[in-house]
PDB file of all heavy atoms in Angstrom:
ATOM      1  N   ILE A   1      -3.307   0.728 -13.943  1.00  0.00           N
ATOM      2  CA  ILE A   1      -2.905  -0.551 -13.378  1.00  0.00           C
ATOM      3  C   ILE A   1      -2.145  -0.201 -12.096  1.00  0.00           C
ATOM      4  O   ILE A   1      -1.011   0.263 -12.137  1.00  0.00           O
ATOM      5  CB  ILE A   1      -2.021  -1.358 -14.347  1.00  0.00           C
ATOM      6  CG1 ILE A   1      -2.728  -1.527 -15.709  1.00  0.00           C
ATOM      7  CG2 ILE A   1      -1.667  -2.708 -13.725  1.00  0.00           C
ATOM      8  CD1 ILE A   1      -4.002  -2.335 -15.663  1.00  0.00           C
ATOM      9  N   GLY A   2      -2.802  -0.403 -10.969  1.00  0.00           N
ATOM     10  CA  GLY A   2      -2.319   0.185  -9.724  1.00  0.00           C
ATOM     11  C   GLY A   2      -1.498  -0.704  -8.823  1.00  0.00           C
ATOM     12  O   GLY A   2      -1.008  -0.230  -7.794  1.00  0.00           O
ATOM     13  N   GLY A   3      -1.334  -1.986  -9.181  1.00  0.00           N
ATOM     14  CA  GLY A   3      -0.584  -2.858  -8.289  1.00  0.00           C
ATOM     15  C   GLY A   3      -1.204  -2.866  -6.900  1.00  0.00           C
ATOM     16  O   GLY A   3      -2.427  -2.855  -6.741  1.00  0.00           O
ATOM     17  N   ASP A   4      -0.342  -2.841  -5.879  1.00  0.00           N
ATOM     18  CA  ASP A   4      -0.828  -2.930  -4.497  1.00  0.00           C
ATOM     19  C   ASP A   4      -0.777  -1.584  -3.780  1.00  0.00           C
ATOM     20  O   ASP A   4      -0.460  -1.519  -2.589  1.00  0.00           O
ATOM     21  CB  ASP A   4      -0.023  -3.975  -3.728  1.00  0.00           C
ATOM     22  CG  ASP A   4      -0.357  -5.391  -4.150  1.00  0.00           C
ATOM     23  OD1 ASP A   4      -1.187  -5.553  -5.067  1.00  0.00           O
ATOM     24  OD2 ASP A   4       0.227  -6.336  -3.587  1.00  0.00           O
ATOM     25  N   VAL A   5      -1.096  -0.512  -4.497  1.00  0.00           N
ATOM     26  CA  VAL A   5      -1.115   0.819  -3.889  1.00  0.00           C
ATOM     27  C   VAL A   5      -2.506   1.136  -3.340  1.00  0.00           C
ATOM     28  O   VAL A   5      -2.683   1.430  -2.152  1.00  0.00           O
ATOM     29  CB  VAL A   5      -0.677   1.897  -4.903  1.00  0.00           C
ATOM     30  CG1 VAL A   5      -0.831   3.297  -4.316  1.00  0.00           C
ATOM     31  CG2 VAL A   5       0.777   1.663  -5.314  1.00  0.00           C
ATOM     32  N   LEU A   6      -3.508   1.058  -4.209  1.00  0.00           N
ATOM     33  CA  LEU A   6      -4.875   1.448  -3.861  1.00  0.00           C
ATOM     34  C   LEU A   6      -5.836   0.334  -4.240  1.00  0.00           C
ATOM     35  O   LEU A   6      -5.814  -0.157  -5.369  1.00  0.00           O
ATOM     36  CB  LEU A   6      -5.234   2.737  -4.615  1.00  0.00           C
ATOM     37  CG  LEU A   6      -6.621   3.331  -4.392  1.00  0.00           C
ATOM     38  CD1 LEU A   6      -6.781   3.826  -2.956  1.00  0.00           C
ATOM     39  CD2 LEU A   6      -6.870   4.469  -5.376  1.00  0.00           C
ATOM     40  N   PHE A   7      -6.682  -0.060  -3.288  1.00  0.00           N
ATOM     41  CA  PHE A   7      -7.679  -1.093  -3.521  1.00  0.00           C
ATOM     42  C   PHE A   7      -9.086  -0.520  -3.351  1.00  0.00           C
ATOM     43  O   PHE A   7      -9.255   0.608  -2.871  1.00  0.00           O
ATOM     44  CB  PHE A   7      -7.506  -2.251  -2.532  1.00  0.00           C
ATOM     45  CG  PHE A   7      -6.185  -2.953  -2.634  1.00  0.00           C
ATOM     46  CD1 PHE A   7      -5.355  -3.039  -1.527  1.00  0.00           C
ATOM     47  CD2 PHE A   7      -5.769  -3.536  -3.811  1.00  0.00           C
ATOM     48  CE1 PHE A   7      -4.129  -3.693  -1.601  1.00  0.00           C
ATOM     49  CE2 PHE A   7      -4.547  -4.193  -3.896  1.00  0.00           C
ATOM     50  CZ  PHE A   7      -3.731  -4.274  -2.786  1.00  0.00           C
ATOM     51  N   HIS A   8     -10.072  -1.322  -3.687  1.00  0.00           N
ATOM     52  CA  HIS A   8     -11.463  -0.938  -3.444  1.00  0.00           C
ATOM     53  C   HIS A   8     -11.675  -0.831  -1.929  1.00  0.00           C
ATOM     54  O   HIS A   8     -11.700  -1.836  -1.224  1.00  0.00           O
ATOM     55  CB  HIS A   8     -12.404  -1.980  -4.043  1.00  0.00           C
ATOM     56  CG  HIS A   8     -13.853  -1.666  -3.855  1.00  0.00           C
ATOM     57  ND1 HIS A   8     -14.554  -0.872  -4.733  1.00  0.00           N
ATOM     58  CD2 HIS A   8     -14.721  -2.010  -2.885  1.00  0.00           C
ATOM     59  CE1 HIS A   8     -15.805  -0.750  -4.310  1.00  0.00           C
ATOM     60  NE2 HIS A   8     -15.931  -1.443  -3.183  1.00  0.00           N
ATOM     61  N   GLY A   9     -11.772   0.371  -1.437  1.00  0.00           N
ATOM     62  CA  GLY A   9     -12.003   0.604  -0.024  1.00  0.00           C
ATOM     63  C   GLY A   9     -10.822   0.326   0.878  1.00  0.00           C
ATOM     64  O   GLY A   9     -10.980   0.246   2.094  1.00  0.00           O
ATOM     65  N   SER A  10      -9.643   0.201   0.306  1.00  0.00           N
ATOM     66  CA  SER A  10      -8.478  -0.123   1.124  1.00  0.00           C
ATOM     67  C   SER A  10      -7.204   0.375   0.447  1.00  0.00           C
ATOM     68  O   SER A  10      -7.252   1.007  -0.611  1.00  0.00           O
ATOM     69  CB  SER A  10      -8.411  -1.641   1.365  1.00  0.00           C
ATOM     70  OG  SER A  10      -7.431  -1.943   2.330  1.00  0.00           O
ATOM     71  N   ILE A  11      -6.077   0.074   1.093  1.00  0.00           N
ATOM     72  CA  ILE A  11      -4.767   0.442   0.547  1.00  0.00           C
ATOM     73  C   ILE A  11      -3.826  -0.744   0.706  1.00  0.00           C
ATOM     74  O   ILE A  11      -4.135  -1.709   1.416  1.00  0.00           O
ATOM     75  CB  ILE A  11      -4.165   1.667   1.275  1.00  0.00           C
ATOM     76  CG1 ILE A  11      -4.022   1.371   2.774  1.00  0.00           C
ATOM     77  CG2 ILE A  11      -5.028   2.913   1.044  1.00  0.00           C
ATOM     78  CD1 ILE A  11      -3.255   2.425   3.551  1.00  0.00           C
ATOM     79  N   GLY A  12      -2.674  -0.669   0.054  1.00  0.00           N
ATOM     80  CA  GLY A  12      -1.691  -1.729   0.189  1.00  0.00           C
ATOM     81  C   GLY A  12      -1.149  -1.806   1.602  1.00  0.00           C
ATOM     82  O   GLY A  12      -1.029  -0.791   2.294  1.00  0.00           O
ATOM     83  N   ARG A  13      -0.807  -3.003   2.023  1.00  0.00           N
ATOM     84  CA  ARG A  13      -0.233  -3.165   3.363  1.00  0.00           C
ATOM     85  C   ARG A  13       1.162  -2.540   3.393  1.00  0.00           C
ATOM     86  O   ARG A  13       1.869  -2.482   2.378  1.00  0.00           O
ATOM     87  CB  ARG A  13      -0.187  -4.630   3.774  1.00  0.00           C
ATOM     88  CG  ARG A  13       0.597  -5.525   2.847  1.00  0.00           C
ATOM     89  CD  ARG A  13       0.438  -6.995   3.201  1.00  0.00           C
ATOM     90  NE  ARG A  13       1.030  -7.309   4.502  1.00  0.00           N
ATOM     91  CZ  ARG A  13       1.133  -8.559   4.987  1.00  0.00           C
ATOM     92  NH1 ARG A  13       0.662  -9.581   4.289  1.00  0.00           N
ATOM     93  NH2 ARG A  13       1.688  -8.784   6.160  1.00  0.00           N
ATOM     94  N   THR A  14       1.552  -2.070   4.571  1.00  0.00           N
ATOM     95  CA  THR A  14       2.837  -1.374   4.691  1.00  0.00           C
ATOM     96  C   THR A  14       3.736  -2.007   5.747  1.00  0.00           C
ATOM     97  O   THR A  14       4.733  -1.418   6.155  1.00  0.00           O
ATOM     98  CB  THR A  14       2.614   0.111   5.034  1.00  0.00           C
ATOM     99  OG1 THR A  14       1.837   0.208   6.239  1.00  0.00           O
ATOM    100  CG2 THR A  14       1.896   0.825   3.902  1.00  0.00           C
ATOM    101  N   ASP A  15       3.405  -3.228   6.167  1.00  0.00           N
ATOM    102  CA  ASP A  15       4.177  -3.889   7.213  1.00  0.00           C
ATOM    103  C   ASP A  15       5.217  -4.857   6.659  1.00  0.00           C
ATOM    104  O   ASP A  15       5.884  -5.560   7.414  1.00  0.00           O
ATOM    105  CB  ASP A  15       3.240  -4.620   8.172  1.00  0.00           C
ATOM    106  CG  ASP A  15       2.388  -5.677   7.477  1.00  0.00           C
ATOM    107  OD1 ASP A  15       2.155  -5.552   6.255  1.00  0.00           O
ATOM    108  OD2 ASP A  15       1.941  -6.622   8.162  1.00  0.00           O
ATOM    109  N   LEU A  16       5.379  -4.880   5.345  1.00  0.00           N
ATOM    110  CA  LEU A  16       6.405  -5.712   4.727  1.00  0.00           C
ATOM    111  C   LEU A  16       7.697  -4.916   4.570  1.00  0.00           C
ATOM    112  O   LEU A  16       7.683  -3.685   4.636  1.00  0.00           O
ATOM    113  CB  LEU A  16       5.911  -6.208   3.365  1.00  0.00           C
ATOM    114  CG  LEU A  16       4.639  -7.074   3.398  1.00  0.00           C
ATOM    115  CD1 LEU A  16       4.123  -7.312   1.988  1.00  0.00           C
ATOM    116  CD2 LEU A  16       4.903  -8.388   4.113  1.00  0.00           C
ATOM    117  N   PRO A  17       8.839  -5.584   4.362  1.00  0.00           N
ATOM    118  CA  PRO A  17      10.099  -4.852   4.205  1.00  0.00           C
ATOM    119  C   PRO A  17      10.016  -3.784   3.108  1.00  0.00           C
ATOM    120  O   PRO A  17       9.542  -4.055   2.006  1.00  0.00           O
ATOM    121  CB  PRO A  17      11.093  -5.958   3.818  1.00  0.00           C
ATOM    122  CG  PRO A  17      10.529  -7.190   4.453  1.00  0.00           C
ATOM    123  CD  PRO A  17       9.041  -7.045   4.353  1.00  0.00           C
ATOM    124  N   GLY A  18      10.436  -2.579   3.443  1.00  0.00           N
ATOM    125  CA  GLY A  18      10.391  -1.477   2.488  1.00  0.00           C
ATOM    126  C   GLY A  18       9.085  -0.726   2.484  1.00  0.00           C
ATOM    127  O   GLY A  18       8.919   0.242   1.743  1.00  0.00           O
ATOM    128  N   GLY A  19       8.125  -1.160   3.311  1.00  0.00           N
ATOM    129  CA  GLY A  19       6.834  -0.484   3.371  1.00  0.00           C
ATOM    130  C   GLY A  19       6.894   0.768   4.234  1.00  0.00           C
ATOM    131  O   GLY A  19       7.704   0.864   5.160  1.00  0.00           O
ATOM    132  N   ASN A  20       6.039   1.730   3.923  1.00  0.00           N
ATOM    133  CA  ASN A  20       6.005   2.985   4.667  1.00  0.00           C
ATOM    134  C   ASN A  20       4.611   3.579   4.541  1.00  0.00           C
ATOM    135  O   ASN A  20       4.238   4.056   3.474  1.00  0.00           O
ATOM    136  CB  ASN A  20       7.077   3.947   4.127  1.00  0.00           C
ATOM    137  CG  ASN A  20       7.176   5.229   4.918  1.00  0.00           C
ATOM    138  OD1 ASN A  20       6.172   5.913   5.135  1.00  0.00           O
ATOM    139  ND2 ASN A  20       8.383   5.570   5.333  1.00  0.00           N
ATOM    140  N   TYR A  21       3.860   3.550   5.629  1.00  0.00           N
ATOM    141  CA  TYR A  21       2.465   3.986   5.602  1.00  0.00           C
ATOM    142  C   TYR A  21       2.337   5.451   5.210  1.00  0.00           C
ATOM    143  O   TYR A  21       1.524   5.807   4.335  1.00  0.00           O
ATOM    144  CB  TYR A  21       1.824   3.746   6.971  1.00  0.00           C
ATOM    145  CG  TYR A  21       0.383   4.194   7.061  1.00  0.00           C
ATOM    146  CD1 TYR A  21      -0.654   3.365   6.639  1.00  0.00           C
ATOM    147  CD2 TYR A  21       0.057   5.452   7.575  1.00  0.00           C
ATOM    148  CE1 TYR A  21      -1.977   3.766   6.716  1.00  0.00           C
ATOM    149  CE2 TYR A  21      -1.263   5.864   7.659  1.00  0.00           C
ATOM    150  CZ  TYR A  21      -2.279   5.025   7.228  1.00  0.00           C
ATOM    151  OH  TYR A  21      -3.572   5.442   7.302  1.00  0.00           O
ATOM    152  N   THR A  22       3.127   6.307   5.836  1.00  0.00           N
ATOM    153  CA  THR A  22       3.042   7.747   5.554  1.00  0.00           C
ATOM    154  C   THR A  22       3.344   8.036   4.092  1.00  0.00           C
ATOM    155  O   THR A  22       2.662   8.837   3.440  1.00  0.00           O
ATOM    156  CB  THR A  22       4.015   8.530   6.460  1.00  0.00           C
ATOM    157  OG1 THR A  22       3.704   8.229   7.828  1.00  0.00           O
ATOM    158  CG2 THR A  22       3.894  10.023   6.222  1.00  0.00           C
ATOM    159  N   GLN A  23       4.347   7.374   3.576  1.00  0.00           N
ATOM    160  CA  GLN A  23       4.738   7.548   2.173  1.00  0.00           C
ATOM    161  C   GLN A  23       3.634   7.073   1.235  1.00  0.00           C
ATOM    162  O   GLN A  23       3.334   7.724   0.229  1.00  0.00           O
ATOM    163  CB  GLN A  23       6.027   6.767   1.915  1.00  0.00           C
ATOM    164  CG  GLN A  23       6.612   6.933   0.519  1.00  0.00           C
ATOM    165  CD  GLN A  23       7.843   6.074   0.318  1.00  0.00           C
ATOM    166  OE1 GLN A  23       7.865   4.899   0.694  1.00  0.00           O
ATOM    167  NE2 GLN A  23       8.890   6.647  -0.263  1.00  0.00           N
ATOM    168  N   LEU A  24       3.011   5.957   1.563  1.00  0.00           N
ATOM    169  CA  LEU A  24       1.945   5.409   0.712  1.00  0.00           C
ATOM    170  C   LEU A  24       0.761   6.367   0.642  1.00  0.00           C
ATOM    171  O   LEU A  24       0.261   6.672  -0.446  1.00  0.00           O
ATOM    172  CB  LEU A  24       1.492   4.050   1.242  1.00  0.00           C
ATOM    173  CG  LEU A  24       0.395   3.350   0.429  1.00  0.00           C
ATOM    174  CD1 LEU A  24       0.889   3.015  -0.973  1.00  0.00           C
ATOM    175  CD2 LEU A  24      -0.089   2.087   1.135  1.00  0.00           C
TER     176      LEU A  24
END
């Protein structure tokens, strides 16, 4: 159950507060 980390052909957005693209 992955939440908003990994999607089909995509990843969770990282432009919200607390988001970090490199970390994701």
